């Protein structure tokens, strides 16, 4: 999922969650940000943080994507789980999610 300017601002300053920030636009350089009573954060700092948190999410997504068995393998696991009353598929997916947290 594409990270937003608000994601970056809250990553830099979590206490701003209670502030009345208004962000119009998706591009840091052209977005209009109304800071209310909050201390403004520079566009450069926002863009740097946006890049950092997007890269983290992209890496997590890619790690998970590469770790998942093929759909064919997953369907086979699910079939055998249904026939045998096992939880092989759920266990495999839970391990991948645990090994590759968001």
PDB file of N, CA and C in Angstrom:
ATOM      1  N   UNK A   1       0.842  -1.167   0.000  1.00  0.00           N
ATOM      2  CA  UNK A   1       0.000   0.000   0.000  1.00  0.00           C
ATOM      3  C   UNK A   1       0.897   1.245   0.000  1.00  0.00           C
ATOM      4  N   UNK A   2       0.503   2.208  -0.796  1.00  0.00           N
ATOM      5  CA  UNK A   2       1.288   3.441  -0.882  1.00  0.00           C
ATOM      6  C   UNK A   2       1.103   4.260   0.392  1.00  0.00           C
ATOM      7  N   UNK A   3       2.215   4.653   0.972  1.00  0.00           N
ATOM      8  CA  UNK A   3       2.193   5.468   2.193  1.00  0.00           C
ATOM      9  C   UNK A   3       1.835   6.909   1.850  1.00  0.00           C
ATOM     10  N   UNK A   4       1.203   7.593   2.793  1.00  0.00           N
ATOM     11  CA  UNK A   4       0.756   8.966   2.573  1.00  0.00           C
ATOM     12  C   UNK A   4       1.629   9.959   3.339  1.00  0.00           C
ATOM     13  N   UNK A   5       1.428  11.219   3.027  1.00  0.00           N
ATOM     14  CA  UNK A   5       2.123  12.283   3.746  1.00  0.00           C
ATOM     15  C   UNK A   5       1.785  12.189   5.230  1.00  0.00           C
ATOM     16  N   UNK A   6       0.515  11.924   5.549  1.00  0.00           N
ATOM     17  CA  UNK A   6       0.103  11.811   6.956  1.00  0.00           C
ATOM     18  C   UNK A   6       0.836  10.665   7.648  1.00  0.00           C
ATOM     19  N   UNK A   7       1.037   9.551   6.957  1.00  0.00           N
ATOM     20  CA  UNK A   7       1.802   8.440   7.536  1.00  0.00           C
ATOM     21  C   UNK A   7       3.202   8.909   7.933  1.00  0.00           C
ATOM     22  N   UNK A   8       3.832   9.676   7.060  1.00  0.00           N
ATOM     23  CA  UNK A   8       5.184  10.171   7.331  1.00  0.00           C
ATOM     24  C   UNK A   8       5.191  11.168   8.482  1.00  0.00           C
ATOM     25  N   UNK A   9       4.224  12.081   8.486  1.00  0.00           N
ATOM     26  CA  UNK A   9       4.146  13.079   9.556  1.00  0.00           C
ATOM     27  C   UNK A   9       3.957  12.389  10.907  1.00  0.00           C
ATOM     28  N   UNK A  10       3.052  11.417  10.972  1.00  0.00           N
ATOM     29  CA  UNK A  10       2.789  10.726  12.240  1.00  0.00           C
ATOM     30  C   UNK A  10       3.947   9.821  12.647  1.00  0.00           C
ATOM     31  N   UNK A  11       4.691   9.333  11.682  1.00  0.00           N
ATOM     32  CA  UNK A  11       5.888   8.556  12.001  1.00  0.00           C
ATOM     33  C   UNK A  11       6.946   9.457  12.635  1.00  0.00           C
ATOM     34  N   UNK A  12       7.066  10.661  12.115  1.00  0.00           N
ATOM     35  CA  UNK A  12       8.033  11.620  12.657  1.00  0.00           C
ATOM     36  C   UNK A  12       7.577  12.207  13.992  1.00  0.00           C
ATOM     37  N   UNK A  13       6.285  12.438  14.114  1.00  0.00           N
ATOM     38  CA  UNK A  13       5.749  13.102  15.303  1.00  0.00           C
ATOM     39  C   UNK A  13       4.414  12.448  15.700  1.00  0.00           C
ATOM     40  N   UNK A  14       4.481  11.280  16.381  1.00  0.00           N
ATOM     41  CA  UNK A  14       3.256  10.544  16.727  1.00  0.00           C
ATOM     42  C   UNK A  14       2.241  11.373  17.518  1.00  0.00           C
ATOM     43  N   UNK A  15       2.696  12.353  18.270  1.00  0.00           N
ATOM     44  CA  UNK A  15       1.765  13.151  19.069  1.00  0.00           C
ATOM     45  C   UNK A  15       0.848  14.003  18.187  1.00  0.00           C
ATOM     46  N   UNK A  16       1.178  14.147  16.912  1.00  0.00           N
ATOM     47  CA  UNK A  16       0.346  14.944  16.017  1.00  0.00           C
ATOM     48  C   UNK A  16      -0.965  14.242  15.672  1.00  0.00           C
ATOM     49  N   UNK A  17      -1.136  13.020  16.123  1.00  0.00           N
ATOM     50  CA  UNK A  17      -2.386  12.303  15.865  1.00  0.00           C
ATOM     51  C   UNK A  17      -3.570  13.073  16.443  1.00  0.00           C
ATOM     52  N   UNK A  18      -3.341  13.856  17.484  1.00  0.00           N
ATOM     53  CA  UNK A  18      -4.405  14.622  18.120  1.00  0.00           C
ATOM     54  C   UNK A  18      -4.519  16.046  17.577  1.00  0.00           C
ATOM     55  N   UNK A  19      -3.693  16.396  16.607  1.00  0.00           N
ATOM     56  CA  UNK A  19      -3.714  17.745  16.041  1.00  0.00           C
ATOM     57  C   UNK A  19      -4.678  17.797  14.857  1.00  0.00           C
ATOM     58  N   UNK A  20      -5.132  18.977  14.551  1.00  0.00           N
ATOM     59  CA  UNK A  20      -6.056  19.191  13.437  1.00  0.00           C
ATOM     60  C   UNK A  20      -5.270  19.481  12.159  1.00  0.00           C
ATOM     61  N   UNK A  21      -4.539  18.490  11.694  1.00  0.00           N
ATOM     62  CA  UNK A  21      -3.765  18.651  10.465  1.00  0.00           C
ATOM     63  C   UNK A  21      -4.679  18.434   9.265  1.00  0.00           C
ATOM     64  N   UNK A  22      -4.489  19.270   8.255  1.00  0.00           N
ATOM     65  CA  UNK A  22      -5.239  19.093   7.014  1.00  0.00           C
ATOM     66  C   UNK A  22      -4.215  19.027   5.889  1.00  0.00           C
ATOM     67  N   UNK A  23      -4.277  17.944   5.118  1.00  0.00           N
ATOM     68  CA  UNK A  23      -3.343  17.749   4.013  1.00  0.00           C
ATOM     69  C   UNK A  23      -4.156  17.578   2.737  1.00  0.00           C
ATOM     70  N   UNK A  24      -3.913  18.459   1.785  1.00  0.00           N
ATOM     71  CA  UNK A  24      -4.592  18.378   0.505  1.00  0.00           C
ATOM     72  C   UNK A  24      -3.540  18.093  -0.553  1.00  0.00           C
ATOM     73  N   UNK A  25      -3.613  16.909  -1.142  1.00  0.00           N
ATOM     74  CA  UNK A  25      -2.648  16.493  -2.161  1.00  0.00           C
ATOM     75  C   UNK A  25      -1.821  15.318  -1.685  1.00  0.00           C
ATOM     76  N   UNK A  26      -1.158  14.679  -2.640  1.00  0.00           N
ATOM     77  CA  UNK A  26      -0.372  13.485  -2.344  1.00  0.00           C
ATOM     78  C   UNK A  26       1.125  13.678  -2.534  1.00  0.00           C
ATOM     79  N   UNK A  27       1.518  14.749  -3.193  1.00  0.00           N
ATOM     80  CA  UNK A  27       2.930  15.010  -3.453  1.00  0.00           C
ATOM     81  C   UNK A  27       3.447  15.993  -2.407  1.00  0.00           C
ATOM     82  N   UNK A  28       4.511  15.628  -1.743  1.00  0.00           N
ATOM     83  CA  UNK A  28       5.043  16.458  -0.655  1.00  0.00           C
ATOM     84  C   UNK A  28       5.352  17.876  -1.132  1.00  0.00           C
ATOM     85  N   UNK A  29       5.894  18.013  -2.327  1.00  0.00           N
ATOM     86  CA  UNK A  29       6.300  19.333  -2.810  1.00  0.00           C
ATOM     87  C   UNK A  29       5.123  20.239  -3.164  1.00  0.00           C
ATOM     88  N   UNK A  30       3.982  19.654  -3.519  1.00  0.00           N
ATOM     89  CA  UNK A  30       2.857  20.485  -3.950  1.00  0.00           C
ATOM     90  C   UNK A  30       1.655  20.420  -3.011  1.00  0.00           C
ATOM     91  N   UNK A  31       1.683  19.542  -2.036  1.00  0.00           N
ATOM     92  CA  UNK A  31       0.548  19.411  -1.108  1.00  0.00           C
ATOM     93  C   UNK A  31       0.418  20.671  -0.261  1.00  0.00           C
ATOM     94  N   UNK A  32      -0.819  20.985   0.058  1.00  0.00           N
ATOM     95  CA  UNK A  32      -1.091  22.095   0.967  1.00  0.00           C
ATOM     96  C   UNK A  32      -1.331  21.488   2.342  1.00  0.00           C
ATOM     97  N   UNK A  33      -0.514  21.884   3.309  1.00  0.00           N
ATOM     98  CA  UNK A  33      -0.621  21.337   4.660  1.00  0.00           C
ATOM     99  C   UNK A  33      -0.970  22.460   5.623  1.00  0.00           C
ATOM    100  N   UNK A  34      -2.081  22.296   6.309  1.00  0.00           N
ATOM    101  CA  UNK A  34      -2.472  23.235   7.351  1.00  0.00           C
ATOM    102  C   UNK A  34      -2.104  22.581   8.679  1.00  0.00           C
ATOM    103  N   UNK A  35      -1.171  23.181   9.398  1.00  0.00           N
ATOM    104  CA  UNK A  35      -0.606  22.589  10.596  1.00  0.00           C
ATOM    105  C   UNK A  35      -1.406  22.890  11.867  1.00  0.00           C
ATOM    106  N   UNK A  36      -2.358  23.793  11.802  1.00  0.00           N
ATOM    107  CA  UNK A  36      -3.093  24.162  13.011  1.00  0.00           C
ATOM    108  C   UNK A  36      -2.126  24.679  14.059  1.00  0.00           C
ATOM    109  N   UNK A  37      -2.188  24.148  15.276  1.00  0.00           N
ATOM    110  CA  UNK A  37      -1.280  24.554  16.353  1.00  0.00           C
ATOM    111  C   UNK A  37       0.025  23.752  16.378  1.00  0.00           C
ATOM    112  N   UNK A  38       0.137  22.763  15.504  1.00  0.00           N
ATOM    113  CA  UNK A  38       1.332  21.905  15.481  1.00  0.00           C
ATOM    114  C   UNK A  38       2.502  22.632  14.829  1.00  0.00           C
ATOM    115  N   UNK A  39       3.697  22.299  15.252  1.00  0.00           N
ATOM    116  CA  UNK A  39       4.912  22.855  14.656  1.00  0.00           C
ATOM    117  C   UNK A  39       5.128  22.199  13.294  1.00  0.00           C
ATOM    118  N   UNK A  40       5.246  22.972  12.237  1.00  0.00           N
ATOM    119  CA  UNK A  40       5.436  22.391  10.901  1.00  0.00           C
ATOM    120  C   UNK A  40       6.711  21.558  10.804  1.00  0.00           C
ATOM    121  N   UNK A  41       6.653  20.549   9.975  1.00  0.00           N
ATOM    122  CA  UNK A  41       7.801  19.702   9.657  1.00  0.00           C
ATOM    123  C   UNK A  41       8.190  20.039   8.222  1.00  0.00           C
ATOM    124  N   UNK A  42       9.470  20.149   7.959  1.00  0.00           N
ATOM    125  CA  UNK A  42       9.922  20.553   6.621  1.00  0.00           C
ATOM    126  C   UNK A  42       9.530  19.496   5.579  1.00  0.00           C
ATOM    127  N   UNK A  43       9.311  19.985   4.353  1.00  0.00           N
ATOM    128  CA  UNK A  43       8.988  19.078   3.255  1.00  0.00           C
ATOM    129  C   UNK A  43      10.093  18.046   3.055  1.00  0.00           C
ATOM    130  N   UNK A  44      11.338  18.479   3.221  1.00  0.00           N
ATOM    131  CA  UNK A  44      12.478  17.570   3.052  1.00  0.00           C
ATOM    132  C   UNK A  44      12.424  16.439   4.070  1.00  0.00           C
ATOM    133  N   UNK A  45      12.142  16.767   5.330  1.00  0.00           N
ATOM    134  CA  UNK A  45      12.052  15.733   6.371  1.00  0.00           C
ATOM    135  C   UNK A  45      10.867  14.801   6.119  1.00  0.00           C
ATOM    136  N   UNK A  46       9.754  15.365   5.667  1.00  0.00           N
ATOM    137  CA  UNK A  46       8.580  14.536   5.365  1.00  0.00           C
ATOM    138  C   UNK A  46       8.906  13.575   4.227  1.00  0.00           C
ATOM    139  N   UNK A  47       9.531  14.085   3.149  1.00  0.00           N
ATOM    140  CA  UNK A  47       9.853  13.238   1.997  1.00  0.00           C
ATOM    141  C   UNK A  47      10.842  12.142   2.378  1.00  0.00           C
ATOM    142  N   UNK A  48      11.845  12.474   3.182  1.00  0.00           N
ATOM    143  CA  UNK A  48      12.815  11.473   3.624  1.00  0.00           C
ATOM    144  C   UNK A  48      12.123  10.373   4.419  1.00  0.00           C
ATOM    145  N   UNK A  49      11.232  10.761   5.326  1.00  0.00           N
ATOM    146  CA  UNK A  49      10.519   9.764   6.131  1.00  0.00           C
ATOM    147  C   UNK A  49       9.549   8.963   5.283  1.00  0.00           C
ATOM    148  N   UNK A  50       8.895   9.614   4.354  1.00  0.00           N
ATOM    149  CA  UNK A  50       7.978   8.921   3.445  1.00  0.00           C
ATOM    150  C   UNK A  50       8.725   7.854   2.654  1.00  0.00           C
ATOM    151  N   UNK A  51       9.887   8.202   2.150  1.00  0.00           N
ATOM    152  CA  UNK A  51      10.711   7.230   1.412  1.00  0.00           C
ATOM    153  C   UNK A  51      11.120   6.068   2.314  1.00  0.00           C
ATOM    154  N   UNK A  52      11.498   6.383   3.555  1.00  0.00           N
ATOM    155  CA  UNK A  52      11.951   5.349   4.488  1.00  0.00           C
ATOM    156  C   UNK A  52      10.824   4.365   4.832  1.00  0.00           C
ATOM    157  N   UNK A  53       9.660   4.890   5.197  1.00  0.00           N
ATOM    158  CA  UNK A  53       8.588   3.980   5.604  1.00  0.00           C
ATOM    159  C   UNK A  53       8.002   3.226   4.410  1.00  0.00           C
ATOM    160  N   UNK A  54       8.032   3.839   3.212  1.00  0.00           N
ATOM    161  CA  UNK A  54       7.561   3.119   2.025  1.00  0.00           C
ATOM    162  C   UNK A  54       8.513   1.973   1.697  1.00  0.00           C
ATOM    163  N   UNK A  55       9.812   2.211   1.822  1.00  0.00           N
ATOM    164  CA  UNK A  55      10.798   1.155   1.559  1.00  0.00           C
ATOM    165  C   UNK A  55      10.642   0.003   2.546  1.00  0.00           C
ATOM    166  N   UNK A  56      10.388   0.330   3.813  1.00  0.00           N
ATOM    167  CA  UNK A  56      10.163  -0.725   4.808  1.00  0.00           C
ATOM    168  C   UNK A  56       8.966  -1.585   4.433  1.00  0.00           C
ATOM    169  N   UNK A  57       7.872  -0.931   4.053  1.00  0.00           N
ATOM    170  CA  UNK A  57       6.677  -1.687   3.682  1.00  0.00           C
ATOM    171  C   UNK A  57       6.914  -2.498   2.416  1.00  0.00           C
ATOM    172  N   UNK A  58       7.574  -1.909   1.442  1.00  0.00           N
ATOM    173  CA  UNK A  58       7.853  -2.629   0.199  1.00  0.00           C
ATOM    174  C   UNK A  58       8.713  -3.856   0.462  1.00  0.00           C
ATOM    175  N   UNK A  59       9.721  -3.713   1.326  1.00  0.00           N
ATOM    176  CA  UNK A  59      10.590  -4.849   1.649  1.00  0.00           C
ATOM    177  C   UNK A  59       9.813  -5.945   2.358  1.00  0.00           C
ATOM    178  N   UNK A  60       8.935  -5.557   3.269  1.00  0.00           N
ATOM    179  CA  UNK A  60       8.110  -6.531   3.975  1.00  0.00           C
ATOM    180  C   UNK A  60       7.205  -7.257   2.993  1.00  0.00           C
ATOM    181  N   UNK A  61       6.559  -6.505   2.123  1.00  0.00           N
ATOM    182  CA  UNK A  61       5.659  -7.093   1.138  1.00  0.00           C
ATOM    183  C   UNK A  61       6.416  -8.080   0.252  1.00  0.00           C
ATOM    184  N   UNK A  62       7.585  -7.672  -0.214  1.00  0.00           N
ATOM    185  CA  UNK A  62       8.368  -8.536  -1.102  1.00  0.00           C
ATOM    186  C   UNK A  62       8.844  -9.787  -0.365  1.00  0.00           C
ATOM    187  N   UNK A  63       9.275  -9.641   0.881  1.00  0.00           N
ATOM    188  CA  UNK A  63       9.715 -10.797   1.664  1.00  0.00           C
ATOM    189  C   UNK A  63       8.581 -11.791   1.838  1.00  0.00           C
ATOM    190  N   UNK A  64       7.415 -11.275   2.186  1.00  0.00           N
ATOM    191  CA  UNK A  64       6.253 -12.159   2.346  1.00  0.00           C
ATOM    192  C   UNK A  64       5.879 -12.807   1.017  1.00  0.00           C
ATOM    193  N   UNK A  65       5.844 -11.999  -0.023  1.00  0.00           N
ATOM    194  CA  UNK A  65       5.439 -12.520  -1.337  1.00  0.00           C
ATOM    195  C   UNK A  65       6.341 -13.673  -1.769  1.00  0.00           C
ATOM    196  N   UNK A  66       7.631 -13.511  -1.538  1.00  0.00           N
ATOM    197  CA  UNK A  66       8.575 -14.554  -1.932  1.00  0.00           C
ATOM    198  C   UNK A  66       8.471 -15.796  -1.039  1.00  0.00           C
ATOM    199  N   UNK A  67       8.039 -15.617   0.194  1.00  0.00           N
ATOM    200  CA  UNK A  67       7.968 -16.730   1.143  1.00  0.00           C
ATOM    201  C   UNK A  67       6.713 -17.592   0.964  1.00  0.00           C
ATOM    202  N   UNK A  68       5.647 -17.008   0.440  1.00  0.00           N
ATOM    203  CA  UNK A  68       4.408 -17.779   0.282  1.00  0.00           C
ATOM    204  C   UNK A  68       4.585 -18.898  -0.734  1.00  0.00           C
ATOM    205  N   UNK A  69       4.021 -20.061  -0.430  1.00  0.00           N
ATOM    206  CA  UNK A  69       4.006 -21.126  -1.439  1.00  0.00           C
ATOM    207  C   UNK A  69       3.125 -20.690  -2.619  1.00  0.00           C
ATOM    208  N   UNK A  70       3.277 -21.366  -3.739  1.00  0.00           N
ATOM    209  CA  UNK A  70       2.436 -21.045  -4.898  1.00  0.00           C
ATOM    210  C   UNK A  70       0.963 -21.291  -4.547  1.00  0.00           C
ATOM    211  N   UNK A  71       0.074 -20.695  -5.309  1.00  0.00           N
ATOM    212  CA  UNK A  71      -1.358 -20.906  -5.085  1.00  0.00           C
ATOM    213  C   UNK A  71      -1.703 -22.391  -5.214  1.00  0.00           C
ATOM    214  N   UNK A  72      -1.090 -23.061  -6.168  1.00  0.00           N
ATOM    215  CA  UNK A  72      -1.331 -24.499  -6.344  1.00  0.00           C
ATOM    216  C   UNK A  72      -0.957 -25.273  -5.083  1.00  0.00           C
ATOM    217  N   UNK A  73       0.206 -24.947  -4.522  1.00  0.00           N
ATOM    218  CA  UNK A  73       0.638 -25.615  -3.287  1.00  0.00           C
ATOM    219  C   UNK A  73      -0.297 -25.295  -2.126  1.00  0.00           C
ATOM    220  N   UNK A  74      -0.731 -24.031  -2.040  1.00  0.00           N
ATOM    221  CA  UNK A  74      -1.623 -23.643  -0.950  1.00  0.00           C
ATOM    222  C   UNK A  74      -2.970 -24.353  -1.065  1.00  0.00           C
ATOM    223  N   UNK A  75      -3.495 -24.454  -2.285  1.00  0.00           N
ATOM    224  CA  UNK A  75      -4.766 -25.154  -2.472  1.00  0.00           C
ATOM    225  C   UNK A  75      -4.625 -26.635  -2.116  1.00  0.00           C
ATOM    226  N   UNK A  76      -3.500 -27.223  -2.458  1.00  0.00           N
ATOM    227  CA  UNK A  76      -3.249 -28.618  -2.114  1.00  0.00           C
ATOM    228  C   UNK A  76      -3.190 -28.797  -0.595  1.00  0.00           C
ATOM    229  N   UNK A  77      -2.510 -27.862   0.098  1.00  0.00           N
ATOM    230  CA  UNK A  77      -2.462 -27.903   1.569  1.00  0.00           C
ATOM    231  C   UNK A  77      -3.872 -27.808   2.144  1.00  0.00           C
ATOM    232  N   UNK A  78      -4.669 -26.886   1.597  1.00  0.00           N
ATOM    233  CA  UNK A  78      -6.026 -26.701   2.108  1.00  0.00           C
ATOM    234  C   UNK A  78      -6.880 -27.949   1.882  1.00  0.00           C
ATOM    235  N   UNK A  79      -6.728 -28.577   0.730  1.00  0.00           N
ATOM    236  CA  UNK A  79      -7.471 -29.805   0.454  1.00  0.00           C
ATOM    237  C   UNK A  79      -7.103 -30.887   1.465  1.00  0.00           C
ATOM    238  N   UNK A  80      -5.803 -31.103   1.645  1.00  0.00           N
ATOM    239  CA  UNK A  80      -5.360 -32.141   2.580  1.00  0.00           C
ATOM    240  C   UNK A  80      -5.751 -31.809   4.019  1.00  0.00           C
ATOM    241  N   UNK A  81      -5.738 -30.531   4.380  1.00  0.00           N
ATOM    242  CA  UNK A  81      -6.201 -30.133   5.713  1.00  0.00           C
ATOM    243  C   UNK A  81      -7.673 -30.479   5.896  1.00  0.00           C
ATOM    244  N   UNK A  82      -8.488 -30.221   4.871  1.00  0.00           N
ATOM    245  CA  UNK A  82      -9.927 -30.520   4.958  1.00  0.00           C
ATOM    246  C   UNK A  82     -10.176 -32.021   5.053  1.00  0.00           C
ATOM    247  N   UNK A  83      -9.422 -32.790   4.293  1.00  0.00           N
ATOM    248  CA  UNK A  83      -9.594 -34.250   4.288  1.00  0.00           C
ATOM    249  C   UNK A  83      -9.062 -34.883   5.573  1.00  0.00           C
ATOM    250  N   UNK A  84      -7.911 -34.378   6.047  1.00  0.00           N
ATOM    251  CA  UNK A  84      -7.234 -34.999   7.191  1.00  0.00           C
ATOM    252  C   UNK A  84      -7.502 -34.313   8.527  1.00  0.00           C
ATOM    253  N   UNK A  85      -8.208 -33.190   8.504  1.00  0.00           N
ATOM    254  CA  UNK A  85      -8.464 -32.471   9.758  1.00  0.00           C
ATOM    255  C   UNK A  85      -7.201 -31.845  10.341  1.00  0.00           C
ATOM    256  N   UNK A  86      -6.282 -31.469   9.464  1.00  0.00           N
ATOM    257  CA  UNK A  86      -5.022 -30.853   9.916  1.00  0.00           C
ATOM    258  C   UNK A  86      -5.059 -29.340   9.691  1.00  0.00           C
ATOM    259  N   UNK A  87      -4.003 -28.669  10.100  1.00  0.00           N
ATOM    260  CA  UNK A  87      -3.916 -27.210   9.939  1.00  0.00           C
ATOM    261  C   UNK A  87      -2.602 -26.799   9.257  1.00  0.00           C
ATOM    262  N   UNK A  88      -2.133 -27.620   8.348  1.00  0.00           N
ATOM    263  CA  UNK A  88      -0.859 -27.374   7.669  1.00  0.00           C
ATOM    264  C   UNK A  88      -0.829 -26.011   6.990  1.00  0.00           C
ATOM    265  N   UNK A  89      -1.889 -25.675   6.251  1.00  0.00           N
ATOM    266  CA  UNK A  89      -1.917 -24.409   5.531  1.00  0.00           C
ATOM    267  C   UNK A  89      -1.919 -23.231   6.496  1.00  0.00           C
ATOM    268  N   UNK A  90      -2.799 -23.258   7.497  1.00  0.00           N
ATOM    269  CA  UNK A  90      -2.853 -22.158   8.474  1.00  0.00           C
ATOM    270  C   UNK A  90      -1.518 -21.995   9.174  1.00  0.00           C
ATOM    271  N   UNK A  91      -0.890 -23.093   9.533  1.00  0.00           N
ATOM    272  CA  UNK A  91       0.409 -23.044  10.216  1.00  0.00           C
ATOM    273  C   UNK A  91       1.487 -22.438   9.315  1.00  0.00           C
ATOM    274  N   UNK A  92       1.483 -22.832   8.047  1.00  0.00           N
ATOM    275  CA  UNK A  92       2.486 -22.321   7.109  1.00  0.00           C
ATOM    276  C   UNK A  92       2.323 -20.815   6.899  1.00  0.00           C
ATOM    277  N   UNK A  93       1.079 -20.371   6.724  1.00  0.00           N
ATOM    278  CA  UNK A  93       0.826 -18.938   6.508  1.00  0.00           C
ATOM    279  C   UNK A  93       1.139 -18.138   7.772  1.00  0.00           C
ATOM    280  N   UNK A  94       0.763 -18.659   8.928  1.00  0.00           N
ATOM    281  CA  UNK A  94       1.049 -17.968  10.194  1.00  0.00           C
ATOM    282  C   UNK A  94       2.554 -17.812  10.396  1.00  0.00           C
ATOM    283  N   UNK A  95       3.325 -18.817  10.030  1.00  0.00           N
ATOM    284  CA  UNK A  95       4.788 -18.740  10.173  1.00  0.00           C
ATOM    285  C   UNK A  95       5.362 -17.678   9.247  1.00  0.00           C
ATOM    286  N   UNK A  96       4.884 -17.622   8.034  1.00  0.00           N
ATOM    287  CA  UNK A  96       5.367 -16.608   7.094  1.00  0.00           C
ATOM    288  C   UNK A  96       5.050 -15.217   7.614  1.00  0.00           C
ATOM    289  N   UNK A  97       3.839 -15.017   8.114  1.00  0.00           N
ATOM    290  CA  UNK A  97       3.460 -13.713   8.657  1.00  0.00           C
ATOM    291  C   UNK A  97       4.295 -13.377   9.900  1.00  0.00           C
ATOM    292  N   UNK A  98       4.561 -14.381  10.729  1.00  0.00           N
ATOM    293  CA  UNK A  98       5.364 -14.163  11.927  1.00  0.00           C
ATOM    294  C   UNK A  98       6.818 -13.853  11.580  1.00  0.00           C
ATOM    295  N   UNK A  99       7.354 -14.551  10.591  1.00  0.00           N
ATOM    296  CA  UNK A  99       8.748 -14.351  10.181  1.00  0.00           C
ATOM    297  C   UNK A  99       8.953 -13.043   9.406  1.00  0.00           C
ATOM    298  N   UNK A 100       7.866 -12.511   8.838  1.00  0.00           N
ATOM    299  CA  UNK A 100       7.943 -11.294   8.017  1.00  0.00           C
ATOM    300  C   UNK A 100       6.897 -10.291   8.500  1.00  0.00           C
ATOM    301  N   UNK A 101       7.060  -9.732   9.710  1.00  0.00           N
ATOM    302  CA  UNK A 101       6.041  -8.828  10.244  1.00  0.00           C
ATOM    303  C   UNK A 101       5.940  -7.538   9.435  1.00  0.00           C
ATOM    304  N   UNK A 102       4.767  -6.922   9.510  1.00  0.00           N
ATOM    305  CA  UNK A 102       4.569  -5.636   8.828  1.00  0.00           C
ATOM    306  C   UNK A 102       5.197  -4.535   9.628  1.00  0.00           C
TER     307      UNK A 102
END
